[in-house]
C-alpha cells in the first residue's frame, strides 16, 4: 500500500516565502514612490528609491541559494507524486480486471468483493497521498508566484498543429498561445514564467506584423493562471476587442497587438 506519510522539509521554504513577502512590500513601495515622486524634491526621491533598490538587491542575494534548495526539495515532491500516479494506475487496472472477471461470471460476487478490497484501498490511499502532496505543491508555487517560475520554465515555440495542446501538456505547460496567420506566420507557444511579445528578436514571442512596438506586451504566469500587461506600447493592446492595460487571461481570449492576433488557451490536465 502506498505511503502517505511522506515528509517534506518546509523550513527553507518558509524562509523563502518570507523573503518573497518582503520583496512584494518593497515592490509596492517602489511603485507608490514612482507615482508620487513629482510631489517632493528629486534628491529625496532618489535617496528613498536607492534605499529600496539596495534592499531589493539584498533580498535577491539572500533568496538565490534558498531557491536552489527549495527547487531540490520540490523535485522530491514531484518524484513522490509520480510514484503515487503509478500506484494509482496499477490499482485502477487491477480493480477493472477483477470487476470484468466478475461481470463475465469467472468469479462470484463475494470472492470479488474480498479481492477488490486491496485495489480499492490502494486507490483511496493514493488519493489521500496525492491530495497531501497537492497541498505542499501549492505552498511551493506560492513561494515563487507560479509553477512556471518554480520550475524555471521558459516560453518555447512548438509545432502549430491540431495536437499542439497535447505537446504543451507533455512538457508541463499550463498555457498555450496561438499566433494566427498563414502557414509561414502561424505558431504555437507553450507559455513559461514570462512571455515578452514584440518586434524585437529579444522577445520570447517575436512578431513582425505592423503596429507592434519593439517591447509591446508581456504575459506573466501566476499561481492561478496568466496575466497580460501592455508595456506602454504605441498602439496599445486589446483583449476580445477591448483595450487593456492589464488583464487576467481566460480560455479563448483573443489578444490583438498591432495587426497580429493571438488566441490564449489552457490545456486541461488529467485529474484523479
C-alpha atoms as a PDB file:
ATOM      1  CA  UNK A   1       0.000   0.000   0.000  1.00  0.00           C
ATOM      2  CA  UNK A   2       1.269   3.492  -0.869  1.00  0.00           C
ATOM      3  CA  UNK A   3       2.842   5.545   1.919  1.00  0.00           C
ATOM      4  CA  UNK A   4       1.016   8.838   2.521  1.00  0.00           C
ATOM      5  CA  UNK A   5       3.314   9.901   5.365  1.00  0.00           C
ATOM      6  CA  UNK A   6       5.970  11.489   3.116  1.00  0.00           C
ATOM      7  CA  UNK A   7       7.847  14.250   4.911  1.00  0.00           C
ATOM      8  CA  UNK A   8       8.695  17.491   3.118  1.00  0.00           C
ATOM      9  CA  UNK A   9      11.220  19.881   4.677  1.00  0.00           C
ATOM     10  CA  UNK A  10       9.428  23.242   4.747  1.00  0.00           C
ATOM     11  CA  UNK A  11      11.931  25.201   6.850  1.00  0.00           C
ATOM     12  CA  UNK A  12      13.807  26.637   3.845  1.00  0.00           C
ATOM     13  CA  UNK A  13      10.511  27.093   2.014  1.00  0.00           C
ATOM     14  CA  UNK A  14       9.154  29.204   4.876  1.00  0.00           C
ATOM     15  CA  UNK A  15      12.246  31.403   4.811  1.00  0.00           C
ATOM     16  CA  UNK A  16      11.890  31.920   1.067  1.00  0.00           C
ATOM     17  CA  UNK A  17       8.185  32.755   1.375  1.00  0.00           C
ATOM     18  CA  UNK A  18       9.050  35.440   3.944  1.00  0.00           C
ATOM     19  CA  UNK A  19      11.687  36.943   1.639  1.00  0.00           C
ATOM     20  CA  UNK A  20       9.232  36.967  -1.264  1.00  0.00           C
ATOM     21  CA  UNK A  21       6.691  38.698   1.005  1.00  0.00           C
ATOM     22  CA  UNK A  22       9.233  41.387   1.873  1.00  0.00           C
ATOM     23  CA  UNK A  23      10.053  41.833  -1.816  1.00  0.00           C
ATOM     24  CA  UNK A  24       6.375  42.319  -2.603  1.00  0.00           C
ATOM     25  CA  UNK A  25       6.137  45.008   0.090  1.00  0.00           C
ATOM     26  CA  UNK A  26       9.143  46.780  -1.443  1.00  0.00           C
ATOM     27  CA  UNK A  27       7.655  46.457  -4.937  1.00  0.00           C
ATOM     28  CA  UNK A  28       4.503  48.199  -3.751  1.00  0.00           C
ATOM     29  CA  UNK A  29       6.513  50.932  -2.019  1.00  0.00           C
ATOM     30  CA  UNK A  30       8.639  51.480  -5.128  1.00  0.00           C
ATOM     31  CA  UNK A  31       5.516  51.777  -7.277  1.00  0.00           C
ATOM     32  CA  UNK A  32       3.934  54.340  -4.955  1.00  0.00           C
ATOM     33  CA  UNK A  33       7.200  56.286  -4.753  1.00  0.00           C
ATOM     34  CA  UNK A  34       7.440  56.386  -8.549  1.00  0.00           C
ATOM     35  CA  UNK A  35       3.838  57.568  -8.837  1.00  0.00           C
ATOM     36  CA  UNK A  36       4.305  60.439  -6.353  1.00  0.00           C
ATOM     37  CA  UNK A  37       7.898  61.499  -6.993  1.00  0.00           C
ATOM     38  CA  UNK A  38       6.726  64.744  -8.591  1.00  0.00           C
ATOM     39  CA  UNK A  39       5.483  65.983  -5.212  1.00  0.00           C
ATOM     40  CA  UNK A  40       8.894  66.026  -3.494  1.00  0.00           C
ATOM     41  CA  UNK A  41      12.452  67.157  -4.067  1.00  0.00           C
ATOM     42  CA  UNK A  42      14.255  64.923  -6.563  1.00  0.00           C
ATOM     43  CA  UNK A  43      17.138  64.314  -4.147  1.00  0.00           C
ATOM     44  CA  UNK A  44      14.729  63.000  -1.515  1.00  0.00           C
ATOM     45  CA  UNK A  45      13.056  60.710  -4.035  1.00  0.00           C
ATOM     46  CA  UNK A  46      16.429  59.466  -5.291  1.00  0.00           C
ATOM     47  CA  UNK A  47      17.576  58.645  -1.762  1.00  0.00           C
ATOM     48  CA  UNK A  48      14.407  56.696  -0.985  1.00  0.00           C
ATOM     49  CA  UNK A  49      14.459  54.919  -4.366  1.00  0.00           C
ATOM     50  CA  UNK A  50      18.114  53.950  -3.934  1.00  0.00           C
ATOM     51  CA  UNK A  51      17.339  52.577  -0.473  1.00  0.00           C
ATOM     52  CA  UNK A  52      14.531  50.410  -1.867  1.00  0.00           C
ATOM     53  CA  UNK A  53      16.791  49.201  -4.673  1.00  0.00           C
ATOM     54  CA  UNK A  54      19.558  48.269  -2.246  1.00  0.00           C
ATOM     55  CA  UNK A  55      17.120  46.397  -0.019  1.00  0.00           C
ATOM     56  CA  UNK A  56      15.714  44.542  -3.029  1.00  0.00           C
ATOM     57  CA  UNK A  57      19.210  43.536  -4.105  1.00  0.00           C
ATOM     58  CA  UNK A  58      19.973  42.251  -0.595  1.00  0.00           C
ATOM     59  CA  UNK A  59      16.794  40.185  -0.591  1.00  0.00           C
ATOM     60  CA  UNK A  60      17.585  38.804  -4.053  1.00  0.00           C
ATOM     61  CA  UNK A  61      21.054  37.785  -2.877  1.00  0.00           C
ATOM     62  CA  UNK A  62      19.569  36.077   0.178  1.00  0.00           C
ATOM     63  CA  UNK A  63      16.899  34.281  -1.860  1.00  0.00           C
ATOM     64  CA  UNK A  64      19.179  32.830  -4.548  1.00  0.00           C
ATOM     65  CA  UNK A  65      20.613  29.893  -2.536  1.00  0.00           C
ATOM     66  CA  UNK A  66      17.222  29.315  -0.893  1.00  0.00           C
ATOM     67  CA  UNK A  67      15.564  28.962  -4.302  1.00  0.00           C
ATOM     68  CA  UNK A  68      18.059  26.263  -5.272  1.00  0.00           C
ATOM     69  CA  UNK A  69      17.311  24.332  -2.066  1.00  0.00           C
ATOM     70  CA  UNK A  70      13.556  24.723  -2.471  1.00  0.00           C
ATOM     71  CA  UNK A  71      13.694  23.507  -6.070  1.00  0.00           C
ATOM     72  CA  UNK A  72      15.646  20.427  -4.951  1.00  0.00           C
ATOM     73  CA  UNK A  73      13.007  19.713  -2.314  1.00  0.00           C
ATOM     74  CA  UNK A  74      10.288  20.227  -4.901  1.00  0.00           C
ATOM     75  CA  UNK A  75      11.901  17.555  -7.087  1.00  0.00           C
ATOM     76  CA  UNK A  76      11.409  15.135  -4.190  1.00  0.00           C
ATOM     77  CA  UNK A  77       7.781  16.166  -4.103  1.00  0.00           C
ATOM     78  CA  UNK A  78       7.380  15.582  -7.830  1.00  0.00           C
ATOM     79  CA  UNK A  79       9.046  12.175  -7.601  1.00  0.00           C
ATOM     80  CA  UNK A  80       6.631  11.176  -4.843  1.00  0.00           C
ATOM     81  CA  UNK A  81       3.737  12.383  -6.986  1.00  0.00           C
ATOM     82  CA  UNK A  82       4.898  10.264  -9.926  1.00  0.00           C
ATOM     83  CA  UNK A  83       5.093   7.231  -7.635  1.00  0.00           C
ATOM     84  CA  UNK A  84       1.529   7.818  -6.460  1.00  0.00           C
ATOM     85  CA  UNK A  85       0.385   8.169 -10.077  1.00  0.00           C
ATOM     86  CA  UNK A  86       1.970   4.839 -10.999  1.00  0.00           C
ATOM     87  CA  UNK A  87       0.469   3.073  -7.987  1.00  0.00           C
ATOM     88  CA  UNK A  88      -2.915   4.613  -8.770  1.00  0.00           C
ATOM     89  CA  UNK A  89      -2.808   3.391 -12.364  1.00  0.00           C
ATOM     90  CA  UNK A  90      -1.822  -0.134 -11.331  1.00  0.00           C
ATOM     91  CA  UNK A  91      -4.538  -0.334  -8.694  1.00  0.00           C
ATOM     92  CA  UNK A  92      -7.157   1.029 -11.094  1.00  0.00           C
ATOM     93  CA  UNK A  93      -6.176  -1.563 -13.705  1.00  0.00           C
ATOM     94  CA  UNK A  94      -6.396  -4.375 -11.155  1.00  0.00           C
ATOM     95  CA  UNK A  95      -9.810  -3.121  -9.980  1.00  0.00           C
ATOM     96  CA  UNK A  96     -11.170  -3.000 -13.540  1.00  0.00           C
ATOM     97  CA  UNK A  97      -9.839  -6.502 -14.275  1.00  0.00           C
ATOM     98  CA  UNK A  98     -11.497  -8.009 -11.192  1.00  0.00           C
ATOM     99  CA  UNK A  99     -14.780  -6.252 -11.964  1.00  0.00           C
ATOM    100  CA  UNK A 100     -14.656  -7.596 -15.525  1.00  0.00           C
ATOM    101  CA  UNK A 101     -13.959 -11.140 -14.357  1.00  0.00           C
ATOM    102  CA  UNK A 102     -16.962 -10.886 -12.033  1.00  0.00           C
ATOM    103  CA  UNK A 103     -19.101  -9.450 -14.823  1.00  0.00           C
ATOM    104  CA  UNK A 104     -18.442 -12.401 -17.148  1.00  0.00           C
ATOM    105  CA  UNK A 105     -19.002 -14.915 -14.368  1.00  0.00           C
ATOM    106  CA  UNK A 106     -15.474 -16.133 -13.685  1.00  0.00           C
ATOM    107  CA  UNK A 107     -15.591 -15.172 -10.013  1.00  0.00           C
ATOM    108  CA  UNK A 108     -18.521 -14.857  -7.610  1.00  0.00           C
ATOM    109  CA  UNK A 109     -19.598 -11.549  -6.087  1.00  0.00           C
ATOM    110  CA  UNK A 110     -18.420 -12.489  -2.581  1.00  0.00           C
ATOM    111  CA  UNK A 111     -14.979 -13.525  -3.785  1.00  0.00           C
ATOM    112  CA  UNK A 112     -14.745 -10.436  -5.987  1.00  0.00           C
ATOM    113  CA  UNK A 113     -15.614  -8.177  -3.053  1.00  0.00           C
ATOM    114  CA  UNK A 114     -12.783  -9.649  -0.969  1.00  0.00           C
ATOM    115  CA  UNK A 115     -10.241  -9.327  -3.755  1.00  0.00           C
ATOM    116  CA  UNK A 116     -11.406  -5.827  -4.712  1.00  0.00           C
ATOM    117  CA  UNK A 117     -10.699  -4.563  -1.196  1.00  0.00           C
ATOM    118  CA  UNK A 118      -6.969  -4.446  -1.960  1.00  0.00           C
ATOM    119  CA  UNK A 119      -7.002  -2.257  -5.116  1.00  0.00           C
ATOM    120  CA  UNK A 120      -9.847  -0.103  -3.752  1.00  0.00           C
ATOM    121  CA  UNK A 121      -7.832   0.531  -0.597  1.00  0.00           C
ATOM    122  CA  UNK A 122      -4.744   1.342  -2.667  1.00  0.00           C
ATOM    123  CA  UNK A 123      -6.710   3.789  -4.822  1.00  0.00           C
ATOM    124  CA  UNK A 124      -8.059   5.608  -1.781  1.00  0.00           C
ATOM    125  CA  UNK A 125      -4.607   5.671  -0.199  1.00  0.00           C
ATOM    126  CA  UNK A 126      -3.154   7.161  -3.381  1.00  0.00           C
ATOM    127  CA  UNK A 127      -5.859   9.804  -3.494  1.00  0.00           C
ATOM    128  CA  UNK A 128      -5.036  10.802   0.080  1.00  0.00           C
ATOM    129  CA  UNK A 129      -1.337  10.959  -0.759  1.00  0.00           C
ATOM    130  CA  UNK A 130      -1.924  12.994  -3.911  1.00  0.00           C
ATOM    131  CA  UNK A 131      -4.142  15.449  -2.008  1.00  0.00           C
ATOM    132  CA  UNK A 132      -1.456  15.870   0.635  1.00  0.00           C
ATOM    133  CA  UNK A 133       1.233  16.441  -1.997  1.00  0.00           C
ATOM    134  CA  UNK A 134      -1.001  18.972  -3.763  1.00  0.00           C
ATOM    135  CA  UNK A 135      -1.261  20.959  -0.540  1.00  0.00           C
ATOM    136  CA  UNK A 136       2.535  21.002  -0.302  1.00  0.00           C
ATOM    137  CA  UNK A 137       2.838  21.881  -4.004  1.00  0.00           C
ATOM    138  CA  UNK A 138       0.582  24.923  -3.521  1.00  0.00           C
ATOM    139  CA  UNK A 139       2.988  26.297  -0.901  1.00  0.00           C
ATOM    140  CA  UNK A 140       5.979  25.790  -3.208  1.00  0.00           C
ATOM    141  CA  UNK A 141       4.165  27.588  -6.029  1.00  0.00           C
ATOM    142  CA  UNK A 142       3.201  30.403  -3.645  1.00  0.00           C
ATOM    143  CA  UNK A 143       6.861  30.987  -2.808  1.00  0.00           C
ATOM    144  CA  UNK A 144       7.749  31.566  -6.472  1.00  0.00           C
ATOM    145  CA  UNK A 145       4.482  33.115  -7.632  1.00  0.00           C
ATOM    146  CA  UNK A 146       3.790  30.482 -10.292  1.00  0.00           C
ATOM    147  CA  UNK A 147       4.536  26.875 -11.155  1.00  0.00           C
ATOM    148  CA  UNK A 148       6.448  28.051 -14.225  1.00  0.00           C
ATOM    149  CA  UNK A 149       8.775  30.231 -12.139  1.00  0.00           C
ATOM    150  CA  UNK A 150       9.290  27.401  -9.656  1.00  0.00           C
ATOM    151  CA  UNK A 151      10.316  25.037 -12.451  1.00  0.00           C
ATOM    152  CA  UNK A 152      12.328  27.687 -14.290  1.00  0.00           C
ATOM    153  CA  UNK A 153      10.169  27.151 -17.390  1.00  0.00           C
ATOM    154  CA  UNK A 154      10.844  29.389 -20.382  1.00  0.00           C
ATOM    155  CA  UNK A 155       8.347  30.171 -23.112  1.00  0.00           C
ATOM    156  CA  UNK A 156       9.045  27.947 -26.101  1.00  0.00           C
ATOM    157  CA  UNK A 157       7.746  27.606 -29.618  1.00  0.00           C
ATOM    158  CA  UNK A 158       6.074  24.309 -30.502  1.00  0.00           C
ATOM    159  CA  UNK A 159       4.603  22.986 -33.732  1.00  0.00           C
ATOM    160  CA  UNK A 160       1.368  24.702 -34.754  1.00  0.00           C
ATOM    161  CA  UNK A 161      -0.656  21.538 -35.294  1.00  0.00           C
ATOM    162  CA  UNK A 162      -4.026  20.163 -34.110  1.00  0.00           C
ATOM    163  CA  UNK A 163      -2.044  18.268 -31.455  1.00  0.00           C
ATOM    164  CA  UNK A 164      -0.237  21.293 -30.064  1.00  0.00           C
ATOM    165  CA  UNK A 165      -2.286  21.201 -26.834  1.00  0.00           C
ATOM    166  CA  UNK A 166      -1.056  17.649 -26.240  1.00  0.00           C
ATOM    167  CA  UNK A 167       2.512  18.790 -26.923  1.00  0.00           C
ATOM    168  CA  UNK A 168       2.092  21.589 -24.375  1.00  0.00           C
ATOM    169  CA  UNK A 169       0.818  19.135 -21.760  1.00  0.00           C
ATOM    170  CA  UNK A 170       3.744  16.788 -22.389  1.00  0.00           C
ATOM    171  CA  UNK A 171       6.248  19.482 -21.460  1.00  0.00           C
ATOM    172  CA  UNK A 172       4.180  20.555 -18.446  1.00  0.00           C
ATOM    173  CA  UNK A 173       2.901  23.860 -19.841  1.00  0.00           C
ATOM    174  CA  UNK A 174      -0.349  25.229 -18.438  1.00  0.00           C
ATOM    175  CA  UNK A 175      -0.769  27.967 -21.045  1.00  0.00           C
ATOM    176  CA  UNK A 176      -0.780  27.877 -24.834  1.00  0.00           C
ATOM    177  CA  UNK A 177      -0.691  30.895 -27.137  1.00  0.00           C
ATOM    178  CA  UNK A 178      -1.585  30.502 -30.811  1.00  0.00           C
ATOM    179  CA  UNK A 179      -0.358  33.202 -33.177  1.00  0.00           C
ATOM    180  CA  UNK A 180      -2.820  33.327 -36.060  1.00  0.00           C
ATOM    181  CA  UNK A 181      -1.672  33.743 -39.629  1.00  0.00           C
ATOM    182  CA  UNK A 182      -0.827  31.864 -42.806  1.00  0.00           C
ATOM    183  CA  UNK A 183       1.388  28.782 -42.896  1.00  0.00           C
ATOM    184  CA  UNK A 184       4.521  30.910 -42.603  1.00  0.00           C
ATOM    185  CA  UNK A 185       3.390  33.096 -39.687  1.00  0.00           C
ATOM    186  CA  UNK A 186       1.244  30.724 -37.618  1.00  0.00           C
ATOM    187  CA  UNK A 187       2.930  29.448 -34.473  1.00  0.00           C
ATOM    188  CA  UNK A 188       2.079  27.993 -31.081  1.00  0.00           C
ATOM    189  CA  UNK A 189       3.938  28.852 -27.895  1.00  0.00           C
ATOM    190  CA  UNK A 190       3.941  26.897 -24.641  1.00  0.00           C
ATOM    191  CA  UNK A 191       3.987  29.667 -22.032  1.00  0.00           C
ATOM    192  CA  UNK A 192       6.663  29.743 -19.351  1.00  0.00           C
ATOM    193  CA  UNK A 193       7.135  32.061 -16.378  1.00  0.00           C
ATOM    194  CA  UNK A 194       7.128  35.105 -18.661  1.00  0.00           C
ATOM    195  CA  UNK A 195       6.476  35.671 -22.341  1.00  0.00           C
ATOM    196  CA  UNK A 196       7.520  39.014 -23.767  1.00  0.00           C
ATOM    197  CA  UNK A 197       5.840  39.964 -27.036  1.00  0.00           C
ATOM    198  CA  UNK A 198       7.064  42.467 -29.615  1.00  0.00           C
ATOM    199  CA  UNK A 199       9.005  43.152 -32.816  1.00  0.00           C
ATOM    200  CA  UNK A 200      12.449  42.841 -31.230  1.00  0.00           C
ATOM    201  CA  UNK A 201      14.152  39.466 -31.604  1.00  0.00           C
ATOM    202  CA  UNK A 202      14.980  39.667 -27.907  1.00  0.00           C
ATOM    203  CA  UNK A 203      11.339  38.869 -27.126  1.00  0.00           C
ATOM    204  CA  UNK A 204      10.162  35.368 -26.284  1.00  0.00           C
ATOM    205  CA  UNK A 205       7.487  35.795 -28.961  1.00  0.00           C
ATOM    206  CA  UNK A 206       8.815  37.872 -31.843  1.00  0.00           C
ATOM    207  CA  UNK A 207       6.124  39.050 -34.285  1.00  0.00           C
ATOM    208  CA  UNK A 208       6.902  41.217 -37.292  1.00  0.00           C
ATOM    209  CA  UNK A 209       3.317  42.323 -38.044  1.00  0.00           C
ATOM    210  CA  UNK A 210       2.719  46.039 -38.447  1.00  0.00           C
ATOM    211  CA  UNK A 211       1.687  48.104 -35.460  1.00  0.00           C
ATOM    212  CA  UNK A 212       3.770  46.313 -32.822  1.00  0.00           C
ATOM    213  CA  UNK A 213       6.250  48.099 -30.589  1.00  0.00           C
ATOM    214  CA  UNK A 214       9.674  46.587 -30.032  1.00  0.00           C
ATOM    215  CA  UNK A 215       8.600  45.660 -26.492  1.00  0.00           C
ATOM    216  CA  UNK A 216       4.810  45.560 -26.800  1.00  0.00           C
ATOM    217  CA  UNK A 217       3.341  43.372 -24.032  1.00  0.00           C
ATOM    218  CA  UNK A 218       4.200  40.636 -21.557  1.00  0.00           C
ATOM    219  CA  UNK A 219       2.325  37.594 -20.277  1.00  0.00           C
ATOM    220  CA  UNK A 220       3.270  36.530 -16.754  1.00  0.00           C
ATOM    221  CA  UNK A 221       2.380  33.229 -15.120  1.00  0.00           C
ATOM    222  CA  UNK A 222       0.602  33.426 -11.759  1.00  0.00           C
ATOM    223  CA  UNK A 223      -0.471  30.756  -9.305  1.00  0.00           C
ATOM    224  CA  UNK A 224      -3.975  30.760 -10.791  1.00  0.00           C
ATOM    225  CA  UNK A 225      -3.294  31.387 -14.473  1.00  0.00           C
ATOM    226  CA  UNK A 226      -1.708  34.069 -16.654  1.00  0.00           C
ATOM    227  CA  UNK A 227      -1.823  37.874 -16.692  1.00  0.00           C
ATOM    228  CA  UNK A 228      -1.313  40.046 -19.780  1.00  0.00           C
ATOM    229  CA  UNK A 229       0.180  43.529 -19.376  1.00  0.00           C
ATOM    230  CA  UNK A 230       0.692  46.190 -22.026  1.00  0.00           C
ATOM    231  CA  UNK A 231       4.198  47.690 -21.888  1.00  0.00           C
ATOM    232  CA  UNK A 232       3.062  51.223 -22.746  1.00  0.00           C
ATOM    233  CA  UNK A 233       3.088  50.258 -26.430  1.00  0.00           C
ATOM    234  CA  UNK A 234       2.435  52.908 -29.070  1.00  0.00           C
ATOM    235  CA  UNK A 235      -0.756  51.313 -30.432  1.00  0.00           C
ATOM    236  CA  UNK A 236      -1.944  49.553 -27.284  1.00  0.00           C
ATOM    237  CA  UNK A 237      -3.211  46.030 -26.633  1.00  0.00           C
ATOM    238  CA  UNK A 238      -6.770  44.712 -26.756  1.00  0.00           C
ATOM    239  CA  UNK A 239      -8.417  41.530 -25.486  1.00  0.00           C
ATOM    240  CA  UNK A 240     -11.618  40.457 -27.246  1.00  0.00           C
ATOM    241  CA  UNK A 241     -11.778  43.936 -28.785  1.00  0.00           C
ATOM    242  CA  UNK A 242     -11.463  45.905 -25.532  1.00  0.00           C
ATOM    243  CA  UNK A 243      -8.340  47.977 -24.756  1.00  0.00           C
ATOM    244  CA  UNK A 244      -6.441  46.726 -21.700  1.00  0.00           C
ATOM    245  CA  UNK A 245      -3.524  47.802 -19.575  1.00  0.00           C
ATOM    246  CA  UNK A 246      -3.550  44.611 -17.513  1.00  0.00           C
ATOM    247  CA  UNK A 247      -5.840  41.616 -17.909  1.00  0.00           C
ATOM    248  CA  UNK A 248      -6.207  38.157 -16.329  1.00  0.00           C
ATOM    249  CA  UNK A 249      -6.411  35.849 -19.341  1.00  0.00           C
ATOM    250  CA  UNK A 250      -9.260  33.363 -19.736  1.00  0.00           C
ATOM    251  CA  UNK A 251      -9.768  30.402 -22.053  1.00  0.00           C
ATOM    252  CA  UNK A 252     -10.340  31.541 -25.633  1.00  0.00           C
ATOM    253  CA  UNK A 253      -9.292  35.171 -25.143  1.00  0.00           C
ATOM    254  CA  UNK A 254      -8.157  36.807 -28.395  1.00  0.00           C
ATOM    255  CA  UNK A 255      -5.304  39.270 -27.936  1.00  0.00           C
ATOM    256  CA  UNK A 256      -4.652  41.949 -30.554  1.00  0.00           C
ATOM    257  CA  UNK A 257      -1.193  43.522 -30.726  1.00  0.00           C
ATOM    258  CA  UNK A 258      -0.828  45.685 -33.789  1.00  0.00           C
ATOM    259  CA  UNK A 259      -2.230  43.678 -36.698  1.00  0.00           C
ATOM    260  CA  UNK A 260      -1.400  40.335 -35.052  1.00  0.00           C
ATOM    261  CA  UNK A 261      -3.999  38.152 -33.365  1.00  0.00           C
ATOM    262  CA  UNK A 262      -3.118  35.688 -30.610  1.00  0.00           C
ATOM    263  CA  UNK A 263      -5.503  33.172 -29.048  1.00  0.00           C
ATOM    264  CA  UNK A 264      -4.950  32.013 -25.447  1.00  0.00           C
ATOM    265  CA  UNK A 265      -5.893  28.612 -24.044  1.00  0.00           C
ATOM    266  CA  UNK A 266      -5.057  26.458 -21.032  1.00  0.00           C
ATOM    267  CA  UNK A 267      -4.719  22.759 -21.960  1.00  0.00           C
ATOM    268  CA  UNK A 268      -6.603  20.676 -19.404  1.00  0.00           C
ATOM    269  CA  UNK A 269      -4.588  18.374 -17.189  1.00  0.00           C
ATOM    270  CA  UNK A 270      -5.797  14.939 -16.128  1.00  0.00           C
ATOM    271  CA  UNK A 271      -7.113  14.664 -12.549  1.00  0.00           C
ATOM    272  CA  UNK A 272      -7.617  11.581 -10.392  1.00  0.00           C
END
